[in-house]
Amino acid sequence: MKNQTIYLIRHGETEFNTQGRYQGELDSPLTEAGVQQVQQNAQMLKSLIGNPNEWKIVSSPLGRAMQSTEIICETIGFDVKKVEKDDRLTEVAVGQWAGLTTKEIEGSWPNLFQNTDVYNWYFNAPNGEAYDSVVCRLSTWLKDIQHVPNVIAISHGLTGRILRGIYADLKKEDALKLEVSQDVFFKLTYNTITRICLDFDDVYFHS
């Protein structure tokens, strides 16, 4: 749908985030700063969307995303019971690395950091999820919502990078370098991705 608008929001900062631990499909609650980040994003979102009941809200089912979704719904005036949970928006699974820091991972799997870079190494995780698998599930999700005009999606850092990469038709190495800040969110419409924060409007990609 050419006139479709998707607002893509990452969950707020979590306790694992502050400890530098990779969460994957594990979970940890939002910090006080994380709650404030979501509230700030939700206030900006409220000013942009008009009638919230004209929007479809879809969230990753993971706790940190749902906690963020509940804050967003309360702020914009949307019934949280109408939120759809979709497993395809969950964070990239990092297998045996879930809950560990980079230092801990390096100590146990030193060879896995060879022949890779800071953006791509996630996909070396034992029993983790492959990049192409993530692209497949997110591409299917985008196809399934293509006829929905107004969508708000609450997801995760790495998943959000890959989703924006698919939308903007970026190469893997470029998609994985996209911003993952928790005090911004993104508007996807007309093949353009707009970064929204307190001092927005900043379009960083246009095809």
C-alpha atoms as a PDB file:
ATOM      1  CA  MET A   1       0.000   0.000   0.000  1.00  0.00           C
ATOM      2  CA  LYS A   2       1.601   3.219  -1.166  1.00  0.00           C
ATOM      3  CA  ASN A   3      -0.138   5.443   1.357  1.00  0.00           C
ATOM      4  CA  GLN A   4       0.579   3.172   4.310  1.00  0.00           C
ATOM      5  CA  THR A   5       2.236   4.652   7.403  1.00  0.00           C
ATOM      6  CA  ILE A   6       4.122   2.525   9.913  1.00  0.00           C
ATOM      7  CA  TYR A   7       5.490   3.932  13.158  1.00  0.00           C
ATOM      8  CA  LEU A   8       8.234   1.646  14.444  1.00  0.00           C
ATOM      9  CA  ILE A   9       9.134   1.955  18.121  1.00  0.00           C
ATOM     10  CA  ARG A  10      11.776   0.145  20.143  1.00  0.00           C
ATOM     11  CA  HIS A  11      11.074  -0.801  23.762  1.00  0.00           C
ATOM     12  CA  GLY A  12      12.595   1.419  26.448  1.00  0.00           C
ATOM     13  CA  GLU A  13      15.886   0.782  28.206  1.00  0.00           C
ATOM     14  CA  THR A  14      15.956  -2.410  30.289  1.00  0.00           C
ATOM     15  CA  GLU A  15      18.055  -3.594  33.206  1.00  0.00           C
ATOM     16  CA  PHE A  16      19.931  -5.950  30.861  1.00  0.00           C
ATOM     17  CA  ASN A  17      20.629  -2.996  28.531  1.00  0.00           C
ATOM     18  CA  THR A  18      22.339  -1.107  31.358  1.00  0.00           C
ATOM     19  CA  GLN A  19      24.457  -4.189  32.160  1.00  0.00           C
ATOM     20  CA  GLY A  20      25.480  -4.703  28.537  1.00  0.00           C
ATOM     21  CA  ARG A  21      23.787  -8.100  28.438  1.00  0.00           C
ATOM     22  CA  TYR A  22      22.332  -9.515  25.247  1.00  0.00           C
ATOM     23  CA  GLN A  23      18.676 -10.290  25.769  1.00  0.00           C
ATOM     24  CA  GLY A  24      17.496 -12.021  22.622  1.00  0.00           C
ATOM     25  CA  GLU A  25      14.385 -13.914  23.639  1.00  0.00           C
ATOM     26  CA  LEU A  26      15.174 -13.546  27.343  1.00  0.00           C
ATOM     27  CA  ASP A  27      13.669 -10.616  29.148  1.00  0.00           C
ATOM     28  CA  SER A  28      14.291  -7.996  31.811  1.00  0.00           C
ATOM     29  CA  PRO A  29      12.079  -5.131  32.988  1.00  0.00           C
ATOM     30  CA  LEU A  30      12.329  -1.509  31.903  1.00  0.00           C
ATOM     31  CA  THR A  31      14.436   0.807  34.023  1.00  0.00           C
ATOM     32  CA  GLU A  32      13.032   4.102  35.290  1.00  0.00           C
ATOM     33  CA  ALA A  33      14.847   5.806  32.405  1.00  0.00           C
ATOM     34  CA  GLY A  34      13.318   3.260  30.030  1.00  0.00           C
ATOM     35  CA  VAL A  35       9.819   4.078  31.216  1.00  0.00           C
ATOM     36  CA  GLN A  36      10.517   7.793  30.687  1.00  0.00           C
ATOM     37  CA  GLN A  37      11.857   7.093  27.168  1.00  0.00           C
ATOM     38  CA  VAL A  38       8.654   5.298  26.224  1.00  0.00           C
ATOM     39  CA  GLN A  39       6.491   8.018  27.755  1.00  0.00           C
ATOM     40  CA  GLN A  40       8.391  10.660  25.775  1.00  0.00           C
ATOM     41  CA  ASN A  41       8.044   8.700  22.532  1.00  0.00           C
ATOM     42  CA  ALA A  42       4.376   8.079  23.234  1.00  0.00           C
ATOM     43  CA  GLN A  43       3.690  11.788  23.735  1.00  0.00           C
ATOM     44  CA  MET A  44       5.332  12.564  20.394  1.00  0.00           C
ATOM     45  CA  LEU A  45       3.398   9.723  18.759  1.00  0.00           C
ATOM     46  CA  LYS A  46       0.132  11.050  20.190  1.00  0.00           C
ATOM     47  CA  SER A  47       0.751  14.407  18.502  1.00  0.00           C
ATOM     48  CA  LEU A  48       1.196  12.700  15.129  1.00  0.00           C
ATOM     49  CA  ILE A  49      -1.504  10.043  14.794  1.00  0.00           C
ATOM     50  CA  GLY A  50      -4.814  11.831  15.302  1.00  0.00           C
ATOM     51  CA  ASN A  51      -7.522   9.364  16.355  1.00  0.00           C
ATOM     52  CA  PRO A  52      -5.714   6.379  17.933  1.00  0.00           C
ATOM     53  CA  ASN A  53      -8.598   4.060  17.070  1.00  0.00           C
ATOM     54  CA  GLU A  54      -7.793   4.483  13.389  1.00  0.00           C
ATOM     55  CA  TRP A  55      -4.519   2.641  13.984  1.00  0.00           C
ATOM     56  CA  LYS A  56      -3.571  -1.001  14.264  1.00  0.00           C
ATOM     57  CA  ILE A  57      -1.067  -1.616  17.073  1.00  0.00           C
ATOM     58  CA  VAL A  58       1.123  -4.707  16.903  1.00  0.00           C
ATOM     59  CA  SER A  59       3.724  -5.662  19.497  1.00  0.00           C
ATOM     60  CA  SER A  60       6.395  -8.228  20.048  1.00  0.00           C
ATOM     61  CA  PRO A  61       5.065 -10.525  22.802  1.00  0.00           C
ATOM     62  CA  LEU A  62       8.274 -10.230  24.851  1.00  0.00           C
ATOM     63  CA  GLY A  63       7.796  -8.587  28.253  1.00  0.00           C
ATOM     64  CA  ARG A  64       9.901  -5.465  27.657  1.00  0.00           C
ATOM     65  CA  ALA A  65       7.994  -4.735  24.445  1.00  0.00           C
ATOM     66  CA  MET A  66       4.602  -5.348  26.054  1.00  0.00           C
ATOM     67  CA  GLN A  67       5.520  -3.163  29.031  1.00  0.00           C
ATOM     68  CA  SER A  68       6.378  -0.406  26.556  1.00  0.00           C
ATOM     69  CA  THR A  69       3.179  -1.058  24.599  1.00  0.00           C
ATOM     70  CA  GLU A  70       1.062  -0.662  27.732  1.00  0.00           C
ATOM     71  CA  ILE A  71       2.658   2.730  28.422  1.00  0.00           C
ATOM     72  CA  ILE A  72       2.064   3.817  24.818  1.00  0.00           C
ATOM     73  CA  CYS A  73      -1.576   2.715  24.888  1.00  0.00           C
ATOM     74  CA  GLU A  74      -2.212   4.540  28.158  1.00  0.00           C
ATOM     75  CA  THR A  75      -0.638   7.705  26.763  1.00  0.00           C
ATOM     76  CA  ILE A  76      -2.387   7.798  23.387  1.00  0.00           C
ATOM     77  CA  GLY A  77      -5.740   6.483  24.625  1.00  0.00           C
ATOM     78  CA  PHE A  78      -5.816   3.048  22.979  1.00  0.00           C
ATOM     79  CA  ASP A  79      -7.366  -0.077  24.524  1.00  0.00           C
ATOM     80  CA  VAL A  80      -4.392  -2.363  25.231  1.00  0.00           C
ATOM     81  CA  LYS A  81      -6.714  -5.371  24.844  1.00  0.00           C
ATOM     82  CA  LYS A  82      -6.917  -4.549  21.128  1.00  0.00           C
ATOM     83  CA  VAL A  83      -3.138  -4.801  20.673  1.00  0.00           C
ATOM     84  CA  GLU A  84      -2.085  -7.710  18.489  1.00  0.00           C
ATOM     85  CA  LYS A  85       0.951  -9.733  19.562  1.00  0.00           C
ATOM     86  CA  ASP A  86       3.088 -11.084  16.742  1.00  0.00           C
ATOM     87  CA  ASP A  87       6.042 -13.410  17.285  1.00  0.00           C
ATOM     88  CA  ARG A  88       7.614 -12.139  14.068  1.00  0.00           C
ATOM     89  CA  LEU A  89       8.439  -8.851  15.824  1.00  0.00           C
ATOM     90  CA  THR A  90      10.431 -10.552  18.617  1.00  0.00           C
ATOM     91  CA  GLU A  91      14.120  -9.822  19.053  1.00  0.00           C
ATOM     92  CA  VAL A  92      16.710 -11.829  17.151  1.00  0.00           C
ATOM     93  CA  ALA A  93      17.434 -14.977  19.136  1.00  0.00           C
ATOM     94  CA  VAL A  94      21.079 -15.170  20.252  1.00  0.00           C
ATOM     95  CA  GLY A  95      20.986 -18.757  21.477  1.00  0.00           C
ATOM     96  CA  GLN A  96      23.552 -19.575  24.141  1.00  0.00           C
ATOM     97  CA  TRP A  97      24.647 -15.926  24.314  1.00  0.00           C
ATOM     98  CA  ALA A  98      21.339 -14.751  25.812  1.00  0.00           C
ATOM     99  CA  GLY A  99      21.937 -13.043  29.145  1.00  0.00           C
ATOM    100  CA  LEU A 100      25.695 -12.726  28.620  1.00  0.00           C
ATOM    101  CA  THR A 101      27.945  -9.688  28.132  1.00  0.00           C
ATOM    102  CA  THR A 102      30.382  -9.333  25.242  1.00  0.00           C
ATOM    103  CA  LYS A 103      33.278  -9.998  27.627  1.00  0.00           C
ATOM    104  CA  GLU A 104      31.664 -13.209  28.860  1.00  0.00           C
ATOM    105  CA  ILE A 105      31.035 -14.334  25.299  1.00  0.00           C
ATOM    106  CA  GLU A 106      34.628 -13.601  24.263  1.00  0.00           C
ATOM    107  CA  GLY A 107      35.859 -15.638  27.197  1.00  0.00           C
ATOM    108  CA  SER A 108      33.871 -18.733  26.271  1.00  0.00           C
ATOM    109  CA  TRP A 109      33.769 -18.490  22.470  1.00  0.00           C
ATOM    110  CA  PRO A 110      36.926 -16.581  21.431  1.00  0.00           C
ATOM    111  CA  ASN A 111      37.047 -17.976  17.889  1.00  0.00           C
ATOM    112  CA  LEU A 112      33.545 -16.839  17.043  1.00  0.00           C
ATOM    113  CA  PHE A 113      34.705 -13.211  16.871  1.00  0.00           C
ATOM    114  CA  GLN A 114      37.160 -13.988  14.088  1.00  0.00           C
ATOM    115  CA  ASN A 115      36.252 -13.041  10.504  1.00  0.00           C
ATOM    116  CA  THR A 116      33.317 -10.884  11.557  1.00  0.00           C
ATOM    117  CA  ASP A 117      32.598  -7.333  12.751  1.00  0.00           C
ATOM    118  CA  VAL A 118      30.765  -5.548  15.537  1.00  0.00           C
ATOM    119  CA  TYR A 119      27.525  -5.497  13.541  1.00  0.00           C
ATOM    120  CA  ASN A 120      27.427  -9.025  12.159  1.00  0.00           C
ATOM    121  CA  TRP A 121      28.759 -11.171  15.001  1.00  0.00           C
ATOM    122  CA  TYR A 122      25.318 -11.668  16.627  1.00  0.00           C
ATOM    123  CA  PHE A 123      24.598 -14.227  13.942  1.00  0.00           C
ATOM    124  CA  ASN A 124      27.513 -16.422  15.059  1.00  0.00           C
ATOM    125  CA  ALA A 125      25.730 -17.313  18.296  1.00  0.00           C
ATOM    126  CA  PRO A 126      25.457 -21.072  18.955  1.00  0.00           C
ATOM    127  CA  ASN A 127      21.809 -22.060  18.444  1.00  0.00           C
ATOM    128  CA  GLY A 128      21.049 -18.476  17.499  1.00  0.00           C
ATOM    129  CA  GLU A 129      18.894 -17.147  14.681  1.00  0.00           C
ATOM    130  CA  ALA A 130      20.284 -16.647  11.167  1.00  0.00           C
ATOM    131  CA  TYR A 131      20.021 -13.248   9.487  1.00  0.00           C
ATOM    132  CA  ASP A 132      18.113 -14.709   6.535  1.00  0.00           C
ATOM    133  CA  SER A 133      15.618 -16.274   8.929  1.00  0.00           C
ATOM    134  CA  VAL A 134      14.937 -12.891  10.519  1.00  0.00           C
ATOM    135  CA  VAL A 135      14.562 -11.277   7.087  1.00  0.00           C
ATOM    136  CA  CYS A 136      12.080 -13.998   6.130  1.00  0.00           C
ATOM    137  CA  ARG A 137       9.815 -13.523   9.160  1.00  0.00           C
ATOM    138  CA  LEU A 138       9.882  -9.731   8.930  1.00  0.00           C
ATOM    139  CA  SER A 139       9.269  -9.713   5.181  1.00  0.00           C
ATOM    140  CA  THR A 140       6.262 -11.972   5.729  1.00  0.00           C
ATOM    141  CA  TRP A 141       4.958  -9.593   8.409  1.00  0.00           C
ATOM    142  CA  LEU A 142       5.335  -6.575   6.114  1.00  0.00           C
ATOM    143  CA  LYS A 143       3.496  -8.446   3.362  1.00  0.00           C
ATOM    144  CA  ASP A 144       0.672  -9.421   5.721  1.00  0.00           C
ATOM    145  CA  ILE A 145       0.064  -5.805   6.797  1.00  0.00           C
ATOM    146  CA  GLN A 146       0.526  -4.232   3.368  1.00  0.00           C
ATOM    147  CA  HIS A 147      -3.177  -3.370   3.055  1.00  0.00           C
ATOM    148  CA  VAL A 148      -3.432  -1.851   6.540  1.00  0.00           C
ATOM    149  CA  PRO A 149      -3.106   1.944   6.174  1.00  0.00           C
ATOM    150  CA  ASN A 150      -2.036   2.858   9.730  1.00  0.00           C
ATOM    151  CA  VAL A 151       0.251   0.628  11.798  1.00  0.00           C
ATOM    152  CA  ILE A 152       2.153   1.175  15.051  1.00  0.00           C
ATOM    153  CA  ALA A 153       4.712  -1.562  15.741  1.00  0.00           C
ATOM    154  CA  ILE A 154       6.608  -2.058  18.997  1.00  0.00           C
ATOM    155  CA  SER A 155       9.697  -4.188  18.574  1.00  0.00           C
ATOM    156  CA  HIS A 156      13.403  -4.416  19.421  1.00  0.00           C
ATOM    157  CA  GLY A 157      16.821  -3.014  18.525  1.00  0.00           C
ATOM    158  CA  LEU A 158      18.286  -5.556  16.130  1.00  0.00           C
ATOM    159  CA  THR A 159      14.909  -6.606  14.745  1.00  0.00           C
ATOM    160  CA  GLY A 160      14.065  -2.948  14.132  1.00  0.00           C
ATOM    161  CA  ARG A 161      17.296  -2.425  12.242  1.00  0.00           C
ATOM    162  CA  ILE A 162      16.583  -5.360   9.964  1.00  0.00           C
ATOM    163  CA  LEU A 163      12.954  -4.326   9.450  1.00  0.00           C
ATOM    164  CA  ARG A 164      14.000  -0.842   8.363  1.00  0.00           C
ATOM    165  CA  GLY A 165      16.660  -2.385   6.148  1.00  0.00           C
ATOM    166  CA  ILE A 166      14.048  -4.504   4.374  1.00  0.00           C
ATOM    167  CA  TYR A 167      11.725  -1.524   3.979  1.00  0.00           C
ATOM    168  CA  ALA A 168      14.485   0.659   2.540  1.00  0.00           C
ATOM    169  CA  ASP A 169      15.970  -2.189   0.463  1.00  0.00           C
ATOM    170  CA  LEU A 170      19.354  -1.869   2.148  1.00  0.00           C
ATOM    171  CA  LYS A 171      22.191  -4.362   2.010  1.00  0.00           C
ATOM    172  CA  LYS A 172      22.758  -6.442   5.128  1.00  0.00           C
ATOM    173  CA  GLU A 173      25.906  -4.565   6.167  1.00  0.00           C
ATOM    174  CA  ASP A 174      24.095  -1.214   5.885  1.00  0.00           C
ATOM    175  CA  ALA A 175      20.944  -2.388   7.669  1.00  0.00           C
ATOM    176  CA  LEU A 176      22.933  -3.638  10.654  1.00  0.00           C
ATOM    177  CA  LYS A 177      24.556  -0.211  11.103  1.00  0.00           C
ATOM    178  CA  LEU A 178      21.254   1.637  11.495  1.00  0.00           C
ATOM    179  CA  GLU A 179      20.532   3.542  14.699  1.00  0.00           C
ATOM    180  CA  VAL A 180      18.926   1.726  17.630  1.00  0.00           C
ATOM    181  CA  SER A 181      18.506   4.559  20.160  1.00  0.00           C
ATOM    182  CA  GLN A 182      15.626   4.143  22.600  1.00  0.00           C
ATOM    183  CA  ASP A 183      14.625   7.821  22.702  1.00  0.00           C
ATOM    184  CA  VAL A 184      13.734   7.985  19.000  1.00  0.00           C
ATOM    185  CA  PHE A 185      11.294   6.160  16.752  1.00  0.00           C
ATOM    186  CA  PHE A 186      10.740   5.926  13.026  1.00  0.00           C
ATOM    187  CA  LYS A 187       8.043   6.692  10.486  1.00  0.00           C
ATOM    188  CA  LEU A 188       8.011   4.446   7.443  1.00  0.00           C
ATOM    189  CA  THR A 189       5.948   5.767   4.549  1.00  0.00           C
ATOM    190  CA  TYR A 190       6.281   6.188   0.769  1.00  0.00           C
ATOM    191  CA  ASN A 191       9.635   4.338   0.831  1.00  0.00           C
ATOM    192  CA  THR A 192      10.988   7.018   3.137  1.00  0.00           C
ATOM    193  CA  ILE A 193      12.164   6.491   6.708  1.00  0.00           C
ATOM    194  CA  THR A 194      11.920   9.510   8.999  1.00  0.00           C
ATOM    195  CA  ARG A 195      13.699   9.632  12.347  1.00  0.00           C
ATOM    196  CA  ILE A 196      11.454  11.166  14.996  1.00  0.00           C
ATOM    197  CA  CYS A 197      12.777  12.609  18.250  1.00  0.00           C
ATOM    198  CA  LEU A 198      12.334  15.799  20.242  1.00  0.00           C
ATOM    199  CA  ASP A 199      14.106  17.812  17.548  1.00  0.00           C
ATOM    200  CA  PHE A 200      12.743  15.924  14.529  1.00  0.00           C
ATOM    201  CA  ASP A 201      12.207  16.143  11.370  1.00  0.00           C
ATOM    202  CA  ASP A 202      15.253  14.346   9.998  1.00  0.00           C
ATOM    203  CA  VAL A 203      14.840  12.100   6.966  1.00  0.00           C
ATOM    204  CA  TYR A 204      17.854   9.824   6.786  1.00  0.00           C
ATOM    205  CA  PHE A 205      16.886   7.650   3.844  1.00  0.00           C
ATOM    206  CA  HIS A 206      15.006   8.317   0.656  1.00  0.00           C
ATOM    207  CA  SER A 207      14.757   6.066  -2.366  1.00  0.00           C
END
